[in-house]
Amino acid sequence: MVALTAPNGVEVEVPEHSRERLLALGYAEARTEPKPKAAPRKRPAKPKAAGGRGR
């Protein structure tokens, strides 16, 4: 994957084989390194409802 900057200024990651075609369409080489993917956040455990079983 390579990072390119779309004509509207948004940075996108595209597969290597799409790079040349997108550059011809007006995309630019991204000046920054692609950001590492953020680790998925673990949801906090829900506290169990107090008071035994329901009817």
C-alpha atoms as a PDB file:
ATOM      1  CA  MET A   1       0.000   0.000   0.000  1.00  0.00           C
ATOM      2  CA  VAL A   2       1.139   3.538  -0.761  1.00  0.00           C
ATOM      3  CA  ALA A   3      -0.201   6.825   0.565  1.00  0.00           C
ATOM      4  CA  LEU A   4      -1.461   9.384  -1.962  1.00  0.00           C
ATOM      5  CA  THR A   5      -3.121  12.759  -1.518  1.00  0.00           C
ATOM      6  CA  ALA A   6      -6.402  13.095  -3.404  1.00  0.00           C
ATOM      7  CA  PRO A   7      -7.191  16.298  -5.334  1.00  0.00           C
ATOM      8  CA  ASN A   8      -9.505  17.366  -2.467  1.00  0.00           C
ATOM      9  CA  GLY A   9      -6.605  17.154   0.001  1.00  0.00           C
ATOM     10  CA  VAL A  10      -7.552  13.890   1.703  1.00  0.00           C
ATOM     11  CA  GLU A  11      -4.756  11.389   2.224  1.00  0.00           C
ATOM     12  CA  VAL A  12      -5.659   7.877   1.100  1.00  0.00           C
ATOM     13  CA  GLU A  13      -3.851   4.556   1.035  1.00  0.00           C
ATOM     14  CA  VAL A  14      -4.071   2.651  -2.232  1.00  0.00           C
ATOM     15  CA  PRO A  15      -2.584  -0.625  -3.468  1.00  0.00           C
ATOM     16  CA  GLU A  16       0.792  -0.329  -5.200  1.00  0.00           C
ATOM     17  CA  HIS A  17      -0.673  -1.368  -8.570  1.00  0.00           C
ATOM     18  CA  SER A  18      -3.163   1.545  -8.545  1.00  0.00           C
ATOM     19  CA  ARG A  19      -0.540   4.223  -7.909  1.00  0.00           C
ATOM     20  CA  GLU A  20       0.356   5.135 -11.505  1.00  0.00           C
ATOM     21  CA  ARG A  21      -3.281   5.329 -12.613  1.00  0.00           C
ATOM     22  CA  LEU A  22      -4.226   7.556  -9.687  1.00  0.00           C
ATOM     23  CA  LEU A  23      -1.223   9.833 -10.216  1.00  0.00           C
ATOM     24  CA  ALA A  24      -2.474  10.344 -13.782  1.00  0.00           C
ATOM     25  CA  LEU A  25      -5.892  11.295 -12.384  1.00  0.00           C
ATOM     26  CA  GLY A  26      -4.477  14.137 -10.332  1.00  0.00           C
ATOM     27  CA  TYR A  27      -3.511  12.427  -7.106  1.00  0.00           C
ATOM     28  CA  ALA A  28      -0.185  13.499  -5.603  1.00  0.00           C
ATOM     29  CA  GLU A  29       2.450  11.584  -3.692  1.00  0.00           C
ATOM     30  CA  ALA A  30       1.716  12.003   0.020  1.00  0.00           C
ATOM     31  CA  ARG A  31       4.451  13.938   1.752  1.00  0.00           C
ATOM     32  CA  THR A  32       3.930  12.254   5.094  1.00  0.00           C
ATOM     33  CA  GLU A  33       4.470   8.634   5.992  1.00  0.00           C
ATOM     34  CA  PRO A  34       1.224   6.664   6.245  1.00  0.00           C
ATOM     35  CA  LYS A  35       0.042   6.649   9.832  1.00  0.00           C
ATOM     36  CA  PRO A  36       0.098   3.272  11.562  1.00  0.00           C
ATOM     37  CA  LYS A  37      -3.348   1.827  12.081  1.00  0.00           C
ATOM     38  CA  ALA A  38      -4.680   2.573  15.555  1.00  0.00           C
ATOM     39  CA  ALA A  39      -5.147  -0.529  17.662  1.00  0.00           C
ATOM     40  CA  PRO A  40      -8.832  -1.360  18.097  1.00  0.00           C
ATOM     41  CA  ARG A  41     -10.049  -0.125  21.450  1.00  0.00           C
ATOM     42  CA  LYS A  42     -11.418  -2.706  23.824  1.00  0.00           C
ATOM     43  CA  ARG A  43     -14.848  -1.771  25.130  1.00  0.00           C
ATOM     44  CA  PRO A  44     -15.066  -1.614  28.908  1.00  0.00           C
ATOM     45  CA  ALA A  45     -16.958  -4.538  30.410  1.00  0.00           C
ATOM     46  CA  LYS A  46     -20.543  -3.657  31.198  1.00  0.00           C
ATOM     47  CA  PRO A  47     -21.305  -3.959  34.915  1.00  0.00           C
ATOM     48  CA  LYS A  48     -23.775  -6.745  35.532  1.00  0.00           C
ATOM     49  CA  ALA A  49     -27.250  -5.627  36.499  1.00  0.00           C
ATOM     50  CA  ALA A  50     -27.785  -5.938  40.227  1.00  0.00           C
ATOM     51  CA  GLY A  51     -30.563  -8.099  41.618  1.00  0.00           C
ATOM     52  CA  GLY A  52     -30.611 -11.745  40.642  1.00  0.00           C
ATOM     53  CA  ARG A  53     -32.654 -13.276  37.837  1.00  0.00           C
ATOM     54  CA  GLY A  54     -35.601 -11.703  36.074  1.00  0.00           C
ATOM     55  CA  ARG A  55     -38.963 -13.430  36.061  1.00  0.00           C
END
